Amino acid sequence: MVTEKLNIQTKRKFSINLTKNEKLGLLLVAPLLIWLALVLLYPFIYVIFLSLFKRDPGSSIIQFKGLIYFYNLLFRDDLFWQSLLRSFYWTASNVIAQFFFGILVALLLRQKFRGASFIRLWIIVPWITPVVVVILVWGWMLNPTLGIVEALLRQVGFLQGYLNLLGNVKTIMNTLIGIHTWRFFPFVSIIVLGRMLGIPEELYEAAKVDGASNLQRFLHITLPQLRGVLLTFLMLATVWTFTSFDTIFIMTGGGPVDVTTTLPILVYRKAFKTFQLNEAAALSLIMFLFTSIFMAIYIKLGVERDD
């Protein structure tokens, strides 16, 4: 009798009482949860497995390697550290440039002038254009012999001879940063402009009456109102840019002589060029660690802002 009571109490304690609508809701989202588990959870677990274990092709023998692949990357692979520093430079430069030009263009588009609505509509075109099209067009424009960019520079006297921005190891990385920034800063402008248009005009009028300059109004009214939007974009842009693969891969493939090789490009090379799947998996987890740190910093900043 006592045992039966305990069993009943245990069942009640650990049972989940769901209503009919709640059960229906779980049933409806179950396909999505299964799909997410297949395309996200399983690959993530398999990457962890590859970074810790080794199995030769055609063999069923699995060897536990521990952290040897992480050790090889950190202490025996100079290209890893070069790619890591290059990834930091690539990410920081792009985010700063996108912030600067995005906010600047948003401020210009906030003004009332003829054709403002037309420009607001079409400025998003670089961001929605497929990246392959963007890279091909810029590749033609930057061609040292047939491209319009160097032709215009020579015509106005800024350039003598041929510079070859995409073939010079001193200019190619910054050129790629410029292309990537050109593609993404309109996204920043649209988001920032949408928030700017929601700021009450009375705040600017009151500050103007008090004698505040345009710079003071921007620093003390506009920026505080944009903080939430800018923090959100900071997180998105940092993660997107740090893991960006397509722009560099299509344009240069990481060359010449590895000067544009970032961590995503290095992962691709190890996995699909040299077939070092275990080191590629370990490198992917290192990238995941960095993106997690970025996310944690963003969440901390967001919590402090709410407080």
Protein backbone atom coordinates (compact mmCIF):
# COMPACT_ATOMS: atom_id res chain seq x y z
CA MET A 1 0.00 0.00 0.00
CA VAL A 2 2.76 2.41 0.95
CA THR A 3 4.67 1.49 -2.20
CA GLU A 4 1.64 2.22 -4.38
CA LYS A 5 1.20 5.65 -2.75
CA LEU A 6 4.86 6.44 -3.34
CA ASN A 7 4.59 5.41 -6.98
CA ILE A 8 1.49 7.58 -7.45
CA GLN A 9 3.20 10.55 -5.80
CA THR A 10 6.32 10.04 -7.91
CA LYS A 11 4.26 9.92 -11.12
CA ARG A 12 2.42 13.07 -10.13
CA LYS A 13 5.66 14.80 -9.28
CA PHE A 14 7.37 14.06 -12.61
CA SER A 15 4.35 14.03 -14.90
CA ILE A 16 3.66 16.96 -17.22
CA ASN A 17 0.02 17.86 -17.47
CA LEU A 18 -0.60 19.33 -20.91
CA THR A 19 -3.85 20.65 -22.22
CA LYS A 20 -5.22 19.55 -25.56
CA ASN A 21 -4.04 22.76 -27.24
CA GLU A 22 -0.55 22.40 -25.75
CA LYS A 23 -0.28 18.84 -27.05
CA LEU A 24 -1.44 20.02 -30.47
CA GLY A 25 1.17 22.79 -30.36
CA LEU A 26 3.96 20.31 -29.58
CA LEU A 27 2.75 18.08 -32.37
CA LEU A 28 2.86 20.95 -34.84
CA VAL A 29 6.39 22.08 -33.90
CA ALA A 30 7.75 18.52 -33.70
CA PRO A 31 8.73 18.41 -37.42
CA LEU A 32 10.68 21.66 -37.01
CA LEU A 33 12.44 20.35 -33.89
CA ILE A 34 13.38 17.15 -35.70
CA TRP A 35 14.66 19.12 -38.68
CA LEU A 36 16.76 21.39 -36.43
CA ALA A 37 18.19 18.35 -34.66
CA LEU A 38 19.18 16.81 -37.99
CA VAL A 39 20.75 19.90 -39.60
CA LEU A 40 22.20 21.61 -36.51
CA LEU A 41 22.55 19.33 -33.50
CA TYR A 42 23.80 16.20 -35.26
CA PRO A 43 26.49 18.02 -37.32
CA PHE A 44 27.65 19.87 -34.21
CA ILE A 45 28.01 16.62 -32.24
CA TYR A 46 29.78 14.99 -35.18
CA VAL A 47 32.26 17.90 -35.39
CA ILE A 48 33.07 17.40 -31.71
CA PHE A 49 33.55 13.69 -32.41
CA LEU A 50 35.92 14.40 -35.31
CA SER A 51 38.00 16.79 -33.20
CA LEU A 52 38.58 14.12 -30.54
CA PHE A 53 38.65 10.81 -32.41
CA LYS A 54 40.32 9.46 -35.54
CA ARG A 55 38.99 6.82 -37.90
CA ASP A 56 40.90 5.88 -41.02
CA PRO A 57 38.90 5.72 -44.28
CA GLY A 58 37.50 2.23 -44.83
CA SER A 59 38.30 1.17 -41.28
CA SER A 60 35.92 0.61 -38.37
CA ILE A 61 38.66 1.23 -35.79
CA ILE A 62 38.17 4.47 -33.86
CA GLN A 63 41.13 5.95 -31.98
CA PHE A 64 40.75 8.50 -29.21
CA LYS A 65 43.18 11.35 -29.84
CA GLY A 66 42.18 13.74 -27.09
CA LEU A 67 43.25 17.31 -27.73
CA ILE A 68 46.07 16.45 -30.15
CA TYR A 69 44.41 18.22 -33.08
CA PHE A 70 43.92 21.38 -31.03
CA TYR A 71 47.57 21.13 -29.95
CA ASN A 72 48.72 20.82 -33.55
CA LEU A 73 46.78 23.94 -34.52
CA LEU A 74 47.89 26.04 -31.59
CA PHE A 75 51.56 25.07 -31.40
CA ARG A 76 52.57 23.56 -34.75
CA ASP A 77 50.60 25.47 -37.36
CA ASP A 78 51.89 28.99 -38.03
CA LEU A 79 49.21 29.55 -40.66
CA PHE A 80 46.55 29.20 -37.97
CA TRP A 81 47.87 32.20 -36.02
CA GLN A 82 48.31 34.24 -39.18
CA SER A 83 44.75 33.42 -40.23
CA LEU A 84 43.44 34.22 -36.75
CA LEU A 85 45.07 37.67 -36.70
CA ARG A 86 43.88 38.25 -40.26
CA SER A 87 40.34 37.29 -39.24
CA PHE A 88 40.43 39.80 -36.38
CA TYR A 89 41.67 42.51 -38.76
CA TRP A 90 39.06 41.58 -41.37
CA THR A 91 36.24 41.61 -38.79
CA ALA A 92 37.24 44.82 -36.98
CA SER A 93 37.86 46.78 -40.20
CA ASN A 94 34.59 45.72 -41.78
CA VAL A 95 32.47 46.37 -38.70
CA ILE A 96 33.98 49.82 -38.11
CA ALA A 97 33.62 50.80 -41.78
CA GLN A 98 30.04 49.50 -41.95
CA PHE A 99 29.15 51.42 -38.79
CA PHE A 100 30.71 54.63 -40.08
CA PHE A 101 29.23 54.64 -43.57
CA GLY A 102 25.93 53.14 -42.42
CA ILE A 103 25.30 55.86 -39.84
CA LEU A 104 26.59 58.60 -42.15
CA VAL A 105 24.27 57.59 -45.00
CA ALA A 106 21.35 57.18 -42.57
CA LEU A 107 21.91 60.75 -41.34
CA LEU A 108 21.92 62.01 -44.93
CA LEU A 109 18.78 60.08 -45.85
CA ARG A 110 17.00 61.40 -42.76
CA GLN A 111 17.10 64.86 -44.29
CA LYS A 112 14.21 66.01 -46.43
CA PHE A 113 15.26 66.60 -50.02
CA ARG A 114 13.97 65.79 -53.45
CA GLY A 115 14.52 62.16 -54.36
CA ALA A 116 15.09 61.00 -50.76
CA SER A 117 12.37 58.33 -51.00
CA PHE A 118 13.85 56.99 -54.23
CA ILE A 119 17.33 56.71 -52.71
CA ARG A 120 15.94 55.06 -49.56
CA LEU A 121 14.29 52.45 -51.75
CA TRP A 122 17.29 51.63 -53.96
CA ILE A 123 20.13 51.91 -51.48
CA ILE A 124 19.43 48.37 -50.27
CA VAL A 125 20.28 46.93 -53.72
CA PRO A 126 23.96 46.08 -52.91
CA TRP A 127 22.85 44.06 -49.90
CA ILE A 128 20.16 42.04 -51.70
CA THR A 129 22.29 41.41 -54.79
CA PRO A 130 23.73 37.84 -54.87
CA VAL A 131 27.32 37.82 -53.70
CA VAL A 132 28.53 36.06 -56.85
CA VAL A 133 27.18 38.92 -58.98
CA VAL A 134 28.79 41.50 -56.67
CA ILE A 135 32.19 39.79 -56.83
CA LEU A 136 32.10 39.37 -60.61
CA VAL A 137 31.16 43.02 -61.18
CA TRP A 138 33.84 44.30 -58.81
CA GLY A 139 36.36 41.94 -60.36
CA TRP A 140 35.71 43.49 -63.78
CA MET A 141 35.75 47.02 -62.39
CA LEU A 142 39.10 46.45 -60.63
CA ASN A 143 40.77 44.76 -63.60
CA PRO A 144 44.11 46.58 -64.03
CA THR A 145 43.88 46.78 -67.84
CA LEU A 146 40.15 46.86 -68.62
CA GLY A 147 38.60 47.97 -65.31
CA ILE A 148 36.98 51.36 -64.88
CA VAL A 149 38.41 52.02 -61.38
CA GLU A 150 42.07 52.19 -62.34
CA ALA A 151 41.21 53.91 -65.62
CA LEU A 152 39.50 56.73 -63.72
CA LEU A 153 42.40 56.97 -61.26
CA ARG A 154 44.87 57.29 -64.14
CA GLN A 155 42.66 59.83 -65.90
CA VAL A 156 42.49 62.18 -62.90
CA GLY A 157 46.20 61.79 -62.19
CA PHE A 158 46.11 59.77 -58.97
CA LEU A 159 47.72 56.73 -60.55
CA GLN A 160 50.62 56.22 -62.93
CA GLY A 161 50.81 52.87 -64.68
CA TYR A 162 48.96 49.85 -63.31
CA LEU A 163 48.32 49.14 -59.62
CA ASN A 164 46.38 45.83 -59.77
CA LEU A 165 44.50 46.18 -56.49
CA LEU A 166 43.51 42.50 -56.51
CA GLY A 167 47.00 41.22 -57.33
CA ASN A 168 49.10 43.34 -54.99
CA VAL A 169 49.70 41.74 -51.59
CA LYS A 170 49.80 45.20 -50.00
CA THR A 171 46.37 46.29 -51.23
CA ILE A 172 44.30 43.17 -51.78
CA MET A 173 43.05 42.71 -48.19
CA ASN A 174 41.91 46.32 -47.85
CA THR A 175 40.31 46.09 -51.30
CA LEU A 176 38.27 43.07 -50.17
CA ILE A 177 37.29 44.94 -47.01
CA GLY A 178 36.07 47.82 -49.17
CA ILE A 179 33.98 45.47 -51.35
CA HIS A 180 32.49 43.70 -48.33
CA THR A 181 31.72 47.03 -46.65
CA TRP A 182 30.09 48.37 -49.83
CA ARG A 183 27.81 45.33 -49.88
CA PHE A 184 26.73 45.42 -46.23
CA PHE A 185 26.65 49.07 -45.13
CA PRO A 186 23.21 49.68 -46.78
CA PHE A 187 21.77 47.12 -44.36
CA VAL A 188 23.09 49.23 -41.48
CA SER A 189 21.73 52.41 -43.05
CA ILE A 190 18.21 51.02 -43.40
CA ILE A 191 18.10 49.73 -39.81
CA VAL A 192 19.55 52.93 -38.34
CA LEU A 193 17.32 55.13 -40.53
CA GLY A 194 14.22 53.26 -39.39
CA ARG A 195 15.13 53.95 -35.76
CA MET A 196 16.03 57.58 -36.49
CA LEU A 197 12.64 58.24 -38.04
CA GLY A 198 11.07 57.06 -34.79
CA ILE A 199 12.88 59.66 -32.65
CA PRO A 200 10.46 62.50 -31.75
CA GLU A 201 11.26 65.75 -33.50
CA GLU A 202 10.41 67.62 -30.30
CA LEU A 203 13.67 66.44 -28.76
CA TYR A 204 15.71 68.04 -31.54
CA GLU A 205 13.63 71.22 -31.48
CA ALA A 206 14.04 71.60 -27.71
CA ALA A 207 17.80 71.04 -27.98
CA LYS A 208 18.03 73.55 -30.82
CA VAL A 209 16.21 76.15 -28.71
CA ASP A 210 18.72 75.50 -25.92
CA GLY A 211 21.53 76.29 -28.34
CA ALA A 212 22.81 72.75 -28.96
CA SER A 213 24.91 72.31 -32.10
CA ASN A 214 24.34 69.57 -34.68
CA LEU A 215 27.16 67.52 -33.17
CA GLN A 216 25.76 67.88 -29.64
CA ARG A 217 22.29 66.86 -30.82
CA PHE A 218 23.77 63.80 -32.50
CA LEU A 219 25.84 62.79 -29.45
CA HIS A 220 23.20 63.44 -26.78
CA ILE A 221 19.94 62.63 -28.59
CA THR A 222 20.53 60.47 -31.66
CA LEU A 223 23.24 58.11 -30.37
CA PRO A 224 21.47 57.23 -27.07
CA GLN A 225 18.30 56.48 -29.02
CA LEU A 226 20.26 54.26 -31.41
CA ARG A 227 22.14 52.31 -28.77
CA GLY A 228 19.86 49.26 -28.82
CA VAL A 229 19.86 49.04 -32.61
CA LEU A 230 23.63 49.52 -32.82
CA LEU A 231 24.30 46.86 -30.19
CA THR A 232 22.13 44.39 -32.09
CA PHE A 233 23.90 45.15 -35.34
CA LEU A 234 27.29 44.97 -33.61
CA MET A 235 26.55 41.39 -32.58
CA LEU A 236 25.20 40.38 -35.99
CA ALA A 237 27.94 42.11 -37.99
CA THR A 238 30.72 40.69 -35.81
CA VAL A 239 29.49 37.11 -36.11
CA TRP A 240 28.60 37.40 -39.81
CA THR A 241 31.93 38.99 -40.73
CA PHE A 242 34.09 36.72 -38.58
CA THR A 243 32.52 33.65 -40.21
CA SER A 244 32.31 35.22 -43.69
CA PHE A 245 33.53 32.88 -46.41
CA ASP A 246 32.00 33.74 -49.77
CA THR A 247 33.54 37.15 -50.53
CA ILE A 248 37.15 36.09 -50.01
CA PHE A 249 36.73 32.62 -51.46
CA ILE A 250 35.12 33.76 -54.71
CA MET A 251 37.45 36.71 -55.23
CA THR A 252 40.85 35.32 -54.20
CA GLY A 253 40.46 31.85 -52.68
CA GLY A 254 42.71 33.02 -49.83
CA GLY A 255 45.60 34.09 -52.06
CA PRO A 256 47.89 35.36 -53.22
CA VAL A 257 50.41 33.59 -50.96
CA ASP A 258 47.79 33.28 -48.18
CA VAL A 259 47.57 37.03 -47.51
CA THR A 260 43.74 36.85 -47.53
CA THR A 261 43.40 33.50 -45.78
CA THR A 262 41.06 33.83 -42.80
CA LEU A 263 39.84 31.08 -40.46
CA PRO A 264 36.81 30.06 -42.61
CA ILE A 265 39.08 29.76 -45.66
CA LEU A 266 41.55 27.71 -43.63
CA VAL A 267 38.76 25.38 -42.48
CA TYR A 268 37.74 24.83 -46.09
CA ARG A 269 41.30 24.09 -47.17
CA LYS A 270 41.92 21.59 -44.39
CA ALA A 271 38.60 19.83 -44.94
CA PHE A 272 38.34 19.75 -48.75
CA LYS A 273 41.85 20.38 -50.08
CA THR A 274 44.19 18.47 -47.78
CA PHE A 275 41.43 16.25 -46.27
CA GLN A 276 42.52 16.94 -42.68
CA LEU A 277 38.98 16.58 -41.42
CA ASN A 278 39.98 16.23 -37.79
CA GLU A 279 41.99 19.46 -37.72
CA ALA A 280 39.23 21.20 -39.69
CA ALA A 281 36.74 20.10 -37.05
CA ALA A 282 38.99 21.34 -34.24
CA LEU A 283 39.42 24.66 -36.04
CA SER A 284 35.65 24.96 -36.46
CA LEU A 285 35.20 24.52 -32.70
CA ILE A 286 37.79 27.24 -32.05
CA MET A 287 35.80 29.55 -34.32
CA PHE A 288 32.65 28.58 -32.42
CA LEU A 289 34.40 29.53 -29.17
CA PHE A 290 35.23 33.00 -30.50
CA THR A 291 31.69 33.60 -31.76
CA SER A 292 30.35 32.45 -28.38
CA ILE A 293 32.59 35.01 -26.68
CA PHE A 294 31.24 37.71 -29.01
CA MET A 295 27.69 36.66 -28.12
CA ALA A 296 28.43 36.66 -24.39
CA ILE A 297 29.86 40.19 -24.58
CA TYR A 298 26.80 41.36 -26.51
CA ILE A 299 24.42 39.79 -23.98
CA LYS A 300 26.34 41.38 -21.09
CA LEU A 301 26.17 44.81 -22.78
CA GLY A 302 22.47 44.32 -23.43
CA VAL A 303 21.77 43.38 -19.80
CA GLU A 304 23.73 46.40 -18.54
CA ARG A 305 21.76 48.64 -20.93
CA ASP A 306 18.45 47.29 -19.62
CA ASP A 307 19.57 47.86 -16.03
